N, C-alpha and C. Protein backbone atom coordinates (compact mmCIF):
# COMPACT_ATOMS: atom_id res chain seq x y z
N TYR A 1 -3.52 -17.25 -2.84
CA TYR A 1 -4.62 -16.38 -2.48
C TYR A 1 -4.38 -14.95 -2.99
N TYR A 2 -3.21 -14.40 -2.68
CA TYR A 2 -2.98 -12.99 -3.05
C TYR A 2 -2.88 -12.78 -4.55
N LYS A 3 -2.44 -13.76 -5.29
CA LYS A 3 -2.42 -13.62 -6.75
C LYS A 3 -3.82 -13.30 -7.26
N GLU A 4 -4.81 -14.04 -6.76
CA GLU A 4 -6.20 -13.80 -7.16
C GLU A 4 -6.70 -12.45 -6.66
N VAL A 5 -6.36 -12.10 -5.44
CA VAL A 5 -6.81 -10.83 -4.86
C VAL A 5 -6.21 -9.66 -5.64
N TYR A 6 -4.92 -9.70 -5.91
CA TYR A 6 -4.27 -8.61 -6.64
C TYR A 6 -4.89 -8.44 -8.03
N ALA A 7 -5.09 -9.55 -8.73
CA ALA A 7 -5.70 -9.48 -10.06
C ALA A 7 -7.14 -8.95 -9.97
N ALA A 8 -7.88 -9.37 -8.95
CA ALA A 8 -9.26 -8.93 -8.81
C ALA A 8 -9.34 -7.43 -8.53
N CYS A 9 -8.41 -6.89 -7.78
CA CYS A 9 -8.41 -5.44 -7.52
C CYS A 9 -8.24 -4.66 -8.82
N SER A 10 -7.34 -5.11 -9.66
CA SER A 10 -7.14 -4.44 -10.95
C SER A 10 -8.38 -4.57 -11.84
N ARG A 11 -8.97 -5.76 -11.85
CA ARG A 11 -10.19 -5.96 -12.64
C ARG A 11 -11.34 -5.10 -12.11
N CYS A 12 -11.36 -4.89 -10.81
CA CYS A 12 -12.40 -4.04 -10.22
C CYS A 12 -12.30 -2.62 -10.76
N ILE A 13 -11.07 -2.11 -10.86
CA ILE A 13 -10.88 -0.76 -11.43
C ILE A 13 -11.40 -0.74 -12.86
N ASP A 14 -11.07 -1.74 -13.65
CA ASP A 14 -11.57 -1.80 -15.03
C ASP A 14 -13.09 -1.80 -15.07
N PHE A 15 -13.71 -2.56 -14.18
CA PHE A 15 -15.17 -2.60 -14.14
C PHE A 15 -15.74 -1.24 -13.75
N LEU A 16 -15.20 -0.64 -12.69
CA LEU A 16 -15.71 0.67 -12.26
C LEU A 16 -15.57 1.72 -13.36
N CYS A 17 -14.49 1.65 -14.10
CA CYS A 17 -14.27 2.61 -15.19
C CYS A 17 -15.17 2.34 -16.39
N SER A 18 -15.82 1.21 -16.42
CA SER A 18 -16.76 0.91 -17.51
C SER A 18 -18.16 1.42 -17.22
N LEU A 19 -18.40 1.85 -15.99
CA LEU A 19 -19.74 2.31 -15.61
C LEU A 19 -20.02 3.70 -16.16
N PRO A 20 -21.27 3.98 -16.50
CA PRO A 20 -21.59 5.29 -17.08
C PRO A 20 -21.41 6.45 -16.09
N ASP A 21 -21.40 6.19 -14.79
CA ASP A 21 -21.24 7.26 -13.80
C ASP A 21 -19.79 7.72 -13.65
N TRP A 22 -18.84 6.97 -14.18
CA TRP A 22 -17.43 7.36 -14.06
C TRP A 22 -17.18 8.63 -14.87
N ASP A 23 -16.42 9.55 -14.31
CA ASP A 23 -16.17 10.83 -14.99
C ASP A 23 -15.15 10.72 -16.12
N GLY A 24 -14.56 9.55 -16.31
CA GLY A 24 -13.63 9.35 -17.40
C GLY A 24 -12.21 9.81 -17.12
N LYS A 25 -11.96 10.31 -15.88
CA LYS A 25 -10.64 10.85 -15.57
C LYS A 25 -10.08 10.37 -14.25
N ASN A 26 -10.85 10.43 -13.20
CA ASN A 26 -10.34 10.26 -11.84
C ASN A 26 -10.63 8.88 -11.27
N VAL A 27 -9.56 8.24 -10.77
CA VAL A 27 -9.69 6.96 -10.10
C VAL A 27 -8.74 6.97 -8.91
N GLY A 28 -9.31 6.90 -7.71
CA GLY A 28 -8.49 6.86 -6.50
C GLY A 28 -8.67 5.55 -5.77
N VAL A 29 -7.59 5.12 -5.12
CA VAL A 29 -7.64 3.93 -4.28
C VAL A 29 -7.12 4.32 -2.91
N THR A 30 -7.72 3.76 -1.87
CA THR A 30 -7.28 4.06 -0.52
C THR A 30 -7.59 2.90 0.40
N GLY A 31 -6.82 2.81 1.47
CA GLY A 31 -7.07 1.77 2.46
C GLY A 31 -5.97 1.75 3.48
N GLY A 32 -6.22 1.01 4.56
CA GLY A 32 -5.25 0.86 5.62
C GLY A 32 -4.97 -0.60 5.88
N SER A 33 -3.74 -0.91 6.27
CA SER A 33 -3.28 -2.25 6.58
C SER A 33 -3.33 -3.11 5.31
N GLN A 34 -4.11 -4.18 5.30
CA GLN A 34 -4.21 -4.97 4.08
C GLN A 34 -4.80 -4.11 2.96
N GLY A 35 -5.71 -3.22 3.31
CA GLY A 35 -6.28 -2.29 2.33
C GLY A 35 -5.25 -1.32 1.79
N GLY A 36 -4.29 -0.92 2.63
CA GLY A 36 -3.19 -0.07 2.18
C GLY A 36 -2.31 -0.82 1.19
N ALA A 37 -2.05 -2.08 1.49
CA ALA A 37 -1.27 -2.92 0.58
C ALA A 37 -2.00 -3.06 -0.75
N LEU A 38 -3.29 -3.34 -0.70
CA LEU A 38 -4.06 -3.52 -1.93
C LEU A 38 -4.17 -2.23 -2.72
N SER A 39 -4.19 -1.09 -2.04
CA SER A 39 -4.20 0.20 -2.74
C SER A 39 -2.92 0.38 -3.54
N ILE A 40 -1.79 0.09 -2.92
CA ILE A 40 -0.50 0.21 -3.60
C ILE A 40 -0.41 -0.76 -4.77
N VAL A 41 -0.78 -2.00 -4.54
CA VAL A 41 -0.72 -3.01 -5.59
C VAL A 41 -1.63 -2.61 -6.75
N THR A 42 -2.83 -2.16 -6.46
CA THR A 42 -3.78 -1.78 -7.51
C THR A 42 -3.26 -0.60 -8.30
N ALA A 43 -2.69 0.39 -7.62
CA ALA A 43 -2.12 1.55 -8.32
C ALA A 43 -0.96 1.13 -9.21
N ALA A 44 -0.20 0.14 -8.78
CA ALA A 44 0.93 -0.34 -9.59
C ALA A 44 0.47 -1.15 -10.79
N LEU A 45 -0.59 -1.92 -10.62
CA LEU A 45 -1.04 -2.82 -11.69
C LEU A 45 -1.94 -2.17 -12.73
N ASN A 46 -2.64 -1.11 -12.36
CA ASN A 46 -3.63 -0.55 -13.26
C ASN A 46 -3.35 0.94 -13.50
N ASP A 47 -3.00 1.26 -14.74
CA ASP A 47 -2.67 2.64 -15.10
C ASP A 47 -3.86 3.60 -15.05
N LYS A 48 -5.07 3.07 -14.88
CA LYS A 48 -6.24 3.94 -14.76
C LYS A 48 -6.27 4.63 -13.40
N VAL A 49 -5.58 4.09 -12.42
CA VAL A 49 -5.54 4.71 -11.09
C VAL A 49 -4.75 6.01 -11.19
N THR A 50 -5.38 7.12 -10.78
CA THR A 50 -4.74 8.44 -10.90
C THR A 50 -4.20 8.96 -9.59
N PHE A 51 -4.59 8.37 -8.45
CA PHE A 51 -4.01 8.71 -7.16
C PHE A 51 -4.26 7.59 -6.16
N CYS A 52 -3.37 7.54 -5.16
CA CYS A 52 -3.40 6.45 -4.18
C CYS A 52 -3.17 7.03 -2.79
N SER A 53 -3.95 6.59 -1.83
CA SER A 53 -3.79 7.00 -0.44
C SER A 53 -3.66 5.73 0.40
N ALA A 54 -2.45 5.48 0.89
CA ALA A 54 -2.18 4.23 1.60
C ALA A 54 -1.79 4.51 3.05
N PHE A 55 -2.44 3.81 3.96
CA PHE A 55 -2.14 3.92 5.39
C PHE A 55 -1.56 2.60 5.88
N TYR A 56 -0.45 2.69 6.59
CA TYR A 56 0.24 1.55 7.22
C TYR A 56 0.03 0.23 6.48
N PRO A 57 0.53 0.18 5.22
CA PRO A 57 0.28 -1.02 4.41
C PRO A 57 0.95 -2.29 4.95
N ALA A 58 0.22 -3.35 4.87
CA ALA A 58 0.72 -4.68 5.23
C ALA A 58 1.52 -5.25 4.06
N LEU A 59 2.09 -6.43 4.26
CA LEU A 59 2.76 -7.20 3.21
C LEU A 59 3.98 -6.51 2.62
N CYS A 60 4.63 -5.65 3.40
CA CYS A 60 5.83 -4.95 2.94
C CYS A 60 7.08 -5.58 3.55
N ASP A 61 8.12 -5.68 2.76
CA ASP A 61 9.41 -6.20 3.20
C ASP A 61 9.25 -7.57 3.87
N LEU A 62 8.60 -8.47 3.18
CA LEU A 62 8.25 -9.77 3.73
C LEU A 62 9.46 -10.61 4.15
N LEU A 63 10.60 -10.38 3.51
CA LEU A 63 11.80 -11.14 3.86
C LEU A 63 12.72 -10.35 4.81
N GLY A 64 12.21 -9.26 5.37
CA GLY A 64 13.02 -8.41 6.23
C GLY A 64 13.73 -9.14 7.35
N ALA A 65 13.07 -10.10 7.96
CA ALA A 65 13.67 -10.82 9.09
C ALA A 65 14.93 -11.58 8.68
N LEU A 66 15.01 -11.97 7.44
CA LEU A 66 16.20 -12.67 6.96
C LEU A 66 17.41 -11.74 6.84
N HIS A 67 17.13 -10.43 6.87
CA HIS A 67 18.17 -9.43 6.70
C HIS A 67 18.32 -8.55 7.93
N GLY A 68 17.81 -9.01 9.06
CA GLY A 68 17.96 -8.28 10.31
C GLY A 68 17.02 -7.11 10.49
N ARG A 69 15.94 -7.07 9.70
CA ARG A 69 14.95 -6.00 9.82
C ARG A 69 13.62 -6.59 10.32
N ALA A 70 12.81 -5.75 10.90
CA ALA A 70 11.47 -6.19 11.30
C ALA A 70 10.63 -6.32 10.04
N PRO A 71 10.08 -7.49 9.76
CA PRO A 71 9.28 -7.67 8.54
C PRO A 71 7.87 -7.13 8.72
N GLY A 72 7.22 -6.90 7.59
CA GLY A 72 5.83 -6.50 7.63
C GLY A 72 4.91 -7.67 7.91
N TRP A 73 3.67 -7.34 8.23
CA TRP A 73 2.67 -8.37 8.46
C TRP A 73 2.55 -9.21 7.21
N PRO A 74 2.49 -10.52 7.33
CA PRO A 74 2.24 -11.35 8.49
C PRO A 74 3.49 -11.87 9.20
N LYS A 75 4.59 -11.18 9.08
CA LYS A 75 5.82 -11.42 9.85
C LYS A 75 6.37 -12.82 9.68
N TYR A 76 6.59 -13.17 8.43
CA TYR A 76 7.23 -14.45 8.14
C TYR A 76 8.59 -14.50 8.81
N PHE A 77 8.98 -15.65 9.23
CA PHE A 77 10.24 -15.94 9.90
C PHE A 77 10.30 -15.42 11.34
N LEU A 78 9.33 -14.65 11.76
CA LEU A 78 9.22 -14.27 13.17
C LEU A 78 8.05 -14.99 13.81
N GLU A 79 6.87 -14.80 13.24
CA GLU A 79 5.66 -15.39 13.81
C GLU A 79 5.14 -16.57 12.98
N LYS A 80 5.64 -16.71 11.78
CA LYS A 80 5.20 -17.81 10.91
C LYS A 80 6.43 -18.54 10.40
N GLU A 81 6.39 -19.83 10.51
CA GLU A 81 7.48 -20.62 9.99
C GLU A 81 7.29 -20.81 8.48
N VAL A 82 8.36 -20.58 7.74
CA VAL A 82 8.31 -20.70 6.29
C VAL A 82 9.60 -21.38 5.84
N THR A 83 9.47 -22.30 4.93
CA THR A 83 10.67 -22.92 4.39
C THR A 83 11.35 -21.95 3.44
N MET A 84 12.63 -22.11 3.27
CA MET A 84 13.35 -21.24 2.35
C MET A 84 12.83 -21.42 0.92
N GLU A 85 12.39 -22.63 0.60
CA GLU A 85 11.82 -22.87 -0.72
C GLU A 85 10.55 -22.04 -0.91
N ALA A 86 9.69 -22.04 0.11
CA ALA A 86 8.47 -21.23 0.04
C ALA A 86 8.80 -19.74 0.03
N ALA A 87 9.85 -19.36 0.73
CA ALA A 87 10.24 -17.95 0.80
C ALA A 87 10.65 -17.41 -0.56
N SER A 88 11.04 -18.27 -1.47
CA SER A 88 11.44 -17.79 -2.79
C SER A 88 10.28 -17.19 -3.57
N THR A 89 9.04 -17.49 -3.16
CA THR A 89 7.88 -16.91 -3.85
C THR A 89 7.40 -15.62 -3.19
N LEU A 90 7.80 -15.35 -1.96
CA LEU A 90 7.30 -14.16 -1.25
C LEU A 90 7.58 -12.85 -1.98
N PRO A 91 8.72 -12.65 -2.61
CA PRO A 91 8.93 -11.37 -3.31
C PRO A 91 7.90 -11.06 -4.39
N TYR A 92 7.28 -12.08 -4.95
CA TYR A 92 6.25 -11.85 -5.97
C TYR A 92 5.03 -11.14 -5.39
N TYR A 93 4.85 -11.23 -4.08
CA TYR A 93 3.68 -10.64 -3.43
C TYR A 93 4.04 -9.48 -2.51
N ASP A 94 5.31 -9.17 -2.41
CA ASP A 94 5.79 -8.11 -1.52
C ASP A 94 5.39 -6.75 -2.09
N VAL A 95 4.71 -5.96 -1.28
CA VAL A 95 4.20 -4.65 -1.70
C VAL A 95 5.34 -3.71 -2.11
N VAL A 96 6.53 -3.89 -1.54
CA VAL A 96 7.67 -3.05 -1.93
C VAL A 96 7.93 -3.19 -3.42
N ASN A 97 7.82 -4.38 -3.95
CA ASN A 97 8.08 -4.59 -5.37
C ASN A 97 7.00 -4.01 -6.26
N PHE A 98 5.82 -3.80 -5.73
CA PHE A 98 4.76 -3.11 -6.48
C PHE A 98 4.92 -1.60 -6.34
N ALA A 99 5.29 -1.14 -5.17
CA ALA A 99 5.40 0.31 -4.91
C ALA A 99 6.35 0.97 -5.90
N ARG A 100 7.41 0.29 -6.28
CA ARG A 100 8.38 0.89 -7.21
C ARG A 100 7.81 1.08 -8.61
N LYS A 101 6.65 0.50 -8.90
CA LYS A 101 6.04 0.62 -10.23
C LYS A 101 4.92 1.66 -10.29
N ILE A 102 4.61 2.29 -9.16
CA ILE A 102 3.53 3.27 -9.12
C ILE A 102 3.92 4.51 -9.91
N LYS A 103 3.00 5.00 -10.72
CA LYS A 103 3.23 6.20 -11.53
C LYS A 103 2.39 7.39 -11.06
N CYS A 104 1.36 7.13 -10.28
CA CYS A 104 0.45 8.19 -9.86
C CYS A 104 0.91 8.80 -8.52
N PRO A 105 0.40 9.98 -8.17
CA PRO A 105 0.72 10.57 -6.86
C PRO A 105 0.20 9.71 -5.71
N VAL A 106 0.94 9.74 -4.59
CA VAL A 106 0.62 8.90 -3.44
C VAL A 106 0.64 9.71 -2.15
N PHE A 107 -0.41 9.56 -1.36
CA PHE A 107 -0.44 10.03 0.03
C PHE A 107 -0.17 8.80 0.87
N TYR A 108 0.76 8.92 1.82
CA TYR A 108 1.24 7.75 2.55
C TYR A 108 1.36 8.09 4.02
N SER A 109 0.88 7.22 4.88
CA SER A 109 0.94 7.51 6.30
C SER A 109 1.09 6.23 7.13
N PHE A 110 1.86 6.34 8.20
CA PHE A 110 1.99 5.24 9.15
C PHE A 110 2.45 5.81 10.48
N GLY A 111 2.30 5.00 11.53
CA GLY A 111 2.72 5.42 12.86
C GLY A 111 3.96 4.68 13.32
N PHE A 112 4.72 5.31 14.16
CA PHE A 112 5.95 4.70 14.66
C PHE A 112 5.71 3.67 15.75
N ASN A 113 4.50 3.56 16.27
CA ASN A 113 4.20 2.57 17.31
C ASN A 113 3.34 1.43 16.78
N ASP A 114 3.38 1.19 15.50
CA ASP A 114 2.58 0.12 14.90
C ASP A 114 3.29 -1.21 15.10
N HIS A 115 2.67 -2.10 15.86
CA HIS A 115 3.26 -3.41 16.11
C HIS A 115 2.74 -4.48 15.14
N VAL A 116 1.78 -4.11 14.30
CA VAL A 116 1.25 -5.04 13.31
C VAL A 116 2.02 -4.90 12.00
N CYS A 117 2.03 -3.70 11.47
CA CYS A 117 2.79 -3.38 10.25
C CYS A 117 3.89 -2.42 10.68
N CYS A 118 5.02 -2.98 11.05
CA CYS A 118 6.07 -2.17 11.66
C CYS A 118 6.55 -1.07 10.70
N PRO A 119 6.93 0.07 11.27
CA PRO A 119 7.30 1.22 10.44
C PRO A 119 8.48 0.98 9.51
N THR A 120 9.40 0.11 9.88
CA THR A 120 10.52 -0.15 8.97
C THR A 120 10.03 -0.83 7.69
N SER A 121 9.05 -1.70 7.81
CA SER A 121 8.55 -2.38 6.61
C SER A 121 7.73 -1.43 5.75
N THR A 122 6.89 -0.62 6.36
CA THR A 122 6.07 0.30 5.56
C THR A 122 6.94 1.39 4.94
N HIS A 123 7.98 1.80 5.65
CA HIS A 123 8.89 2.82 5.09
C HIS A 123 9.65 2.25 3.90
N ALA A 124 9.92 0.95 3.90
CA ALA A 124 10.61 0.32 2.77
C ALA A 124 9.81 0.50 1.48
N ALA A 125 8.51 0.36 1.56
CA ALA A 125 7.66 0.56 0.38
C ALA A 125 7.63 2.03 -0.01
N TYR A 126 7.49 2.91 0.96
CA TYR A 126 7.47 4.34 0.65
C TYR A 126 8.75 4.78 -0.06
N ASN A 127 9.88 4.29 0.41
CA ASN A 127 11.17 4.72 -0.14
C ASN A 127 11.33 4.45 -1.63
N VAL A 128 10.67 3.44 -2.16
CA VAL A 128 10.87 3.09 -3.57
C VAL A 128 9.84 3.71 -4.51
N ILE A 129 8.87 4.43 -3.97
CA ILE A 129 7.90 5.12 -4.83
C ILE A 129 8.63 6.27 -5.50
N MET A 130 8.66 6.27 -6.82
CA MET A 130 9.46 7.25 -7.55
C MET A 130 8.67 8.51 -7.93
N GLY A 131 7.37 8.43 -7.98
CA GLY A 131 6.56 9.57 -8.40
C GLY A 131 6.31 10.53 -7.25
N PRO A 132 5.42 11.49 -7.48
CA PRO A 132 5.07 12.45 -6.43
C PRO A 132 4.46 11.73 -5.23
N LYS A 133 4.91 12.10 -4.05
CA LYS A 133 4.40 11.42 -2.86
C LYS A 133 4.40 12.38 -1.68
N ARG A 134 3.47 12.15 -0.79
CA ARG A 134 3.35 12.93 0.44
C ARG A 134 3.36 11.96 1.61
N LEU A 135 4.26 12.15 2.55
CA LEU A 135 4.38 11.27 3.71
C LEU A 135 3.93 12.00 4.97
N VAL A 136 3.04 11.35 5.72
CA VAL A 136 2.62 11.85 7.03
C VAL A 136 2.91 10.73 8.02
N ARG A 137 3.95 10.93 8.83
CA ARG A 137 4.28 9.99 9.89
C ARG A 137 3.70 10.52 11.18
N THR A 138 3.07 9.65 11.93
CA THR A 138 2.57 10.04 13.24
C THR A 138 3.34 9.23 14.27
N TYR A 139 4.01 9.91 15.12
CA TYR A 139 4.98 9.27 16.00
C TYR A 139 4.35 8.48 17.14
N THR A 140 3.12 8.80 17.52
CA THR A 140 2.53 8.15 18.69
C THR A 140 1.50 7.09 18.37
N ASN A 141 1.00 7.04 17.15
CA ASN A 141 -0.07 6.07 16.92
C ASN A 141 0.46 4.73 16.45
N GLY A 142 -0.38 3.71 16.64
CA GLY A 142 -0.05 2.35 16.24
C GLY A 142 -0.76 1.99 14.96
N HIS A 143 -1.48 0.90 14.98
CA HIS A 143 -2.13 0.36 13.78
C HIS A 143 -3.52 0.98 13.61
N TRP A 144 -3.54 2.27 13.51
CA TRP A 144 -4.75 3.06 13.32
C TRP A 144 -4.30 4.45 12.92
N ARG A 145 -5.26 5.33 12.65
CA ARG A 145 -4.88 6.70 12.29
C ARG A 145 -5.74 7.69 13.04
N PHE A 146 -5.14 8.84 13.30
CA PHE A 146 -5.87 9.93 13.93
C PHE A 146 -6.85 10.53 12.92
N SER A 147 -7.93 11.08 13.41
CA SER A 147 -8.92 11.69 12.51
C SER A 147 -8.31 12.86 11.75
N VAL A 148 -7.37 13.58 12.35
CA VAL A 148 -6.74 14.70 11.65
C VAL A 148 -5.94 14.21 10.45
N THR A 149 -5.29 13.07 10.57
CA THR A 149 -4.56 12.49 9.43
C THR A 149 -5.53 12.02 8.37
N ASN A 150 -6.63 11.44 8.79
CA ASN A 150 -7.65 11.00 7.84
C ASN A 150 -8.21 12.19 7.07
N GLU A 151 -8.47 13.28 7.75
CA GLU A 151 -8.98 14.49 7.09
C GLU A 151 -7.95 15.06 6.12
N GLU A 152 -6.69 15.05 6.53
CA GLU A 152 -5.63 15.53 5.64
C GLU A 152 -5.56 14.68 4.37
N ALA A 153 -5.72 13.38 4.51
CA ALA A 153 -5.72 12.49 3.35
C ALA A 153 -6.92 12.78 2.44
N LYS A 154 -8.08 13.01 3.03
CA LYS A 154 -9.27 13.32 2.23
C LYS A 154 -9.07 14.60 1.44
N LYS A 155 -8.52 15.62 2.09
CA LYS A 155 -8.26 16.88 1.39
C LYS A 155 -7.25 16.69 0.27
N TRP A 156 -6.20 15.89 0.55
CA TRP A 156 -5.20 15.63 -0.48
C TRP A 156 -5.85 14.92 -1.66
N CYS A 157 -6.70 13.94 -1.40
CA CYS A 157 -7.38 13.21 -2.47
C CYS A 157 -8.23 14.17 -3.31
N ASP A 158 -8.91 15.09 -2.65
CA ASP A 158 -9.72 16.07 -3.38
C ASP A 158 -8.87 16.90 -4.33
N THR A 159 -7.66 17.24 -3.92
CA THR A 159 -6.79 18.04 -4.80
C THR A 159 -6.28 17.25 -6.00
N GLN A 160 -6.35 15.94 -5.93
CA GLN A 160 -5.88 15.11 -7.05
C GLN A 160 -6.91 14.95 -8.15
N CYS A 161 -8.16 15.23 -7.82
CA CYS A 161 -9.23 15.08 -8.82
C CYS A 161 -9.22 16.27 -9.79
N THR A 162 -9.31 15.95 -11.06
CA THR A 162 -9.38 16.98 -12.07
C THR A 162 -10.82 17.14 -12.52
N ASP A 163 -11.17 18.34 -12.93
CA ASP A 163 -12.54 18.60 -13.39
C ASP A 163 -12.76 18.13 -14.79
């Protein structure tokens, strides 16, 4: 499923950039949870993406439970039974492995009380982003974001657009 979704996200960017309304320069991706994961993956797969804003991304550190860490959603080996044979394919879809390939600036945010996409898994993806990045951690929120963080992300995105 995710192979098709990841490829479709990249193709979507190509399609949007083919439209006459595109300014020819700026392409941003943003989302939270699964949308945060897809934002990171899309930014990694398509060089047309010029900035990325990801909130509490899912699908990070999928094998974390095998190494004594809390895994990201969907929490394989904790809430879902997976054979070791099937687990050998999980790294191909792990957002951490895409995050290390991002070249554009990234705004990144998650909460320390997120029980869906645990902060250790989302931080694993953030840690491997090599380009310019801005991290906003909110210590009290869970799998959602405060409006002030959302506004900060919008302002950051505006600063990434070139005229």
